[in-house]
Protein backbone atom coordinates (compact mmCIF):
# COMPACT_ATOMS: atom_id res chain seq x y z
CA UNK A 1 90.37 50.83 86.49
CA UNK A 2 93.68 50.27 88.27
CA UNK A 3 93.02 46.58 88.94
CA UNK A 4 93.20 46.04 85.19
CA UNK A 5 96.36 47.93 84.29
CA UNK A 6 98.50 45.25 82.68
CA UNK A 7 95.85 42.70 83.65
CA UNK A 8 95.41 39.54 81.67
CA UNK A 9 92.75 38.78 79.12
CA UNK A 10 91.69 35.29 78.28
CA UNK A 11 91.08 34.17 74.70
CA UNK A 12 87.64 35.40 73.72
CA UNK A 13 85.01 34.10 71.36
CA UNK A 14 84.25 36.13 68.21
CA UNK A 15 81.66 35.12 65.60
CA UNK A 16 80.88 37.39 62.67
CA UNK A 17 78.99 37.54 59.41
CA UNK A 18 79.81 40.25 56.84
CA UNK A 19 78.23 41.31 53.58
CA UNK A 20 80.28 43.39 51.15
CA UNK A 21 79.33 45.60 48.22
CA UNK A 22 81.76 46.80 45.58
CA UNK A 23 82.04 50.60 45.59
CA UNK A 24 84.68 51.14 42.93
CA UNK A 25 87.49 48.97 41.62
CA UNK A 26 89.12 47.16 44.53
CA UNK A 27 87.23 49.09 47.26
CA UNK A 28 84.29 47.42 49.05
CA UNK A 29 81.75 48.64 51.59
CA UNK A 30 81.18 45.98 54.27
CA UNK A 31 78.21 45.61 56.63
CA UNK A 32 78.62 43.22 59.51
CA UNK A 33 77.02 41.64 62.57
CA UNK A 34 78.99 39.93 65.33
CA UNK A 35 78.84 38.26 68.73
CA UNK A 36 81.75 38.74 71.14
CA UNK A 37 82.34 37.07 74.48
CA UNK A 38 85.08 38.71 76.58
CA UNK A 39 86.61 37.55 79.84
CA UNK A 40 88.76 40.20 81.48
CA UNK A 41 90.86 39.16 84.48
CA UNK A 42 92.52 41.83 86.61
CA UNK A 43 95.31 41.76 89.15
CA UNK A 44 94.88 40.37 92.64
CA UNK A 45 92.65 42.66 94.74
CA UNK A 46 93.36 41.33 98.23
CA UNK A 47 95.87 39.42 100.33
CA UNK A 48 94.37 35.99 99.60
CA UNK A 49 94.73 36.27 95.83
CA UNK A 50 91.15 37.07 94.81
CA UNK A 51 90.83 38.67 91.39
CA UNK A 52 88.45 41.23 89.96
CA UNK A 53 87.13 39.97 86.63
CA UNK A 54 84.37 40.60 84.11
CA UNK A 55 82.45 38.25 81.82
CA UNK A 56 80.92 40.33 79.00
CA UNK A 57 78.72 39.30 76.05
CA UNK A 58 78.15 41.79 73.22
CA UNK A 59 76.35 41.84 69.87
CA UNK A 60 77.42 44.44 67.35
CA UNK A 61 76.57 45.97 64.00
CA UNK A 62 79.41 47.38 61.91
CA UNK A 63 80.16 49.41 58.81
CA UNK A 64 83.58 49.45 57.16
CA UNK A 65 85.74 49.61 54.07
CA UNK A 66 88.00 46.91 52.60
CA UNK A 67 90.64 47.57 49.96
CA UNK A 68 92.12 44.67 48.00
CA UNK A 69 95.71 44.68 46.71
CA UNK A 70 96.26 41.82 44.23
CA UNK A 71 99.62 40.15 44.95
CA UNK A 72 99.52 37.20 42.55
CA UNK A 73 96.96 35.58 40.27
CA UNK A 74 94.79 34.18 43.13
CA UNK A 75 96.31 35.90 46.19
CA UNK A 76 95.34 39.34 47.53
CA UNK A 77 96.22 41.44 50.55
CA UNK A 78 93.13 43.02 52.14
CA UNK A 79 93.26 46.15 54.31
CA UNK A 80 90.17 47.05 56.31
CA UNK A 81 88.86 49.61 58.77
CA UNK A 82 85.48 50.35 60.28
CA UNK A 83 83.22 51.41 63.13
CA UNK A 84 80.81 49.32 65.19
CA UNK A 85 77.91 49.81 67.58
CA UNK A 86 78.09 47.31 70.47
CA UNK A 87 75.23 46.29 72.76
CA UNK A 88 75.84 44.45 76.03
CA UNK A 89 73.65 41.31 76.11
CA UNK A 90 74.83 40.21 79.54
CA UNK A 91 77.67 40.86 81.88
CA UNK A 92 78.93 39.88 85.30
CA UNK A 93 81.52 41.37 87.61
CA UNK A 94 83.30 38.77 89.74
CA UNK A 95 85.12 39.74 92.95
CA UNK A 96 86.63 36.66 94.51
CA UNK A 97 83.70 34.29 95.10
CA UNK A 98 81.01 37.00 94.72
CA UNK A 99 79.35 37.69 91.35
CA UNK A 100 77.29 40.77 90.40
CA UNK A 101 74.95 41.12 87.44
CA UNK A 102 75.91 44.26 85.51
CA UNK A 103 72.26 44.77 84.50
CA UNK A 104 71.73 45.99 88.09
CA UNK A 105 74.52 48.60 87.85
CA UNK A 106 75.44 51.69 85.85
CA UNK A 107 77.70 49.67 83.52
CA UNK A 108 77.27 51.03 79.98
CA UNK A 109 75.02 48.86 77.77
CA UNK A 110 75.97 50.69 74.56
CA UNK A 111 79.43 51.39 73.23
CA UNK A 112 81.14 52.25 69.98
CA UNK A 113 84.38 50.82 68.66
CA UNK A 114 86.71 51.19 65.72
CA UNK A 115 88.91 48.59 64.10
CA UNK A 116 91.69 48.21 61.56
CA UNK A 117 93.06 45.02 60.14
CA UNK A 118 94.59 43.05 57.34
CA UNK A 119 93.95 39.71 55.68
CA UNK A 120 95.53 37.41 53.16
CA UNK A 121 92.94 36.07 50.69
CA UNK A 122 93.40 33.02 48.48
CA UNK A 123 90.72 32.90 45.76
CA UNK A 124 90.11 29.15 45.26
CA UNK A 125 87.48 29.64 42.51
CA UNK A 126 85.74 32.66 40.99
CA UNK A 127 83.03 32.33 43.64
CA UNK A 128 84.94 31.09 46.73
CA UNK A 129 87.98 32.26 48.67
CA UNK A 130 89.58 31.54 52.03
CA UNK A 131 91.36 34.12 54.17
CA UNK A 132 93.51 34.52 57.27
CA UNK A 133 92.76 37.78 59.06
CA UNK A 134 94.01 39.94 61.93
CA UNK A 135 91.97 42.82 63.38
CA UNK A 136 92.76 45.28 66.15
CA UNK A 137 89.66 46.80 67.77
CA UNK A 138 89.26 49.40 70.50
CA UNK A 139 86.15 50.84 72.13
CA UNK A 140 85.72 54.55 72.67
CA UNK A 141 85.86 55.58 76.35
CA UNK A 142 83.08 54.02 78.43
CA UNK A 143 82.33 55.62 81.79
CA UNK A 144 80.71 54.48 85.02
CA UNK A 145 78.49 57.19 86.51
CA UNK A 146 78.96 56.46 90.24
CA UNK A 147 82.73 55.97 90.22
CA UNK A 148 83.81 58.50 87.55
CA UNK A 149 86.02 55.74 86.13
CA UNK A 150 86.44 55.17 82.41
CA UNK A 151 87.66 52.12 80.54
CA UNK A 152 88.17 50.69 77.07
CA UNK A 153 88.06 47.18 75.68
CA UNK A 154 90.83 46.34 73.23
CA UNK A 155 90.63 43.17 71.14
CA UNK A 156 93.17 41.41 68.96
CA UNK A 157 91.20 39.09 66.68
CA UNK A 158 92.79 36.34 64.58
CA UNK A 159 90.38 34.58 62.29
CA UNK A 160 90.01 32.15 59.44
CA UNK A 161 87.13 32.77 57.06
CA UNK A 162 85.43 31.80 53.86
CA UNK A 163 84.48 34.45 51.34
CA UNK A 164 81.72 33.91 48.77
CA UNK A 165 81.30 36.08 45.69
CA UNK A 166 77.52 36.11 45.13
CA UNK A 167 77.80 38.23 41.96
CA UNK A 168 79.25 35.31 39.96
């Protein structure tokens, strides 16, 4: 969509819950569920400065792998990657002062995305750790039927989390 080339994206809300299972050594399988709220703001679309924008709310289910590299006694570097199924809960297209519900259009409800990221984990106790994390996520091409346009949503997620080891 040309209105969004080099458009701006506002900070978005991301809430997630993950459950990991040790596969072998420092490699874990991670199942996750998340809620994402995106606001995408495009370039001006007319002479009076109106913008084309989208407000999108997704829930997702994910599957991924996390590998842990111990750096010091209680500090580890985590590398992760995974795939997610995303379902559009609600969405609106805003053109100037007009707003359109995407449920009434051919906007794709379902999408798939992939992500890679890294985190720094500090293990406070045997059962509890805290981490700082960065993830880069990108959807596979999504297409609109009537316009033959395709688009992707790219997210850069910075997060702070708490990790519990339930096996201890």
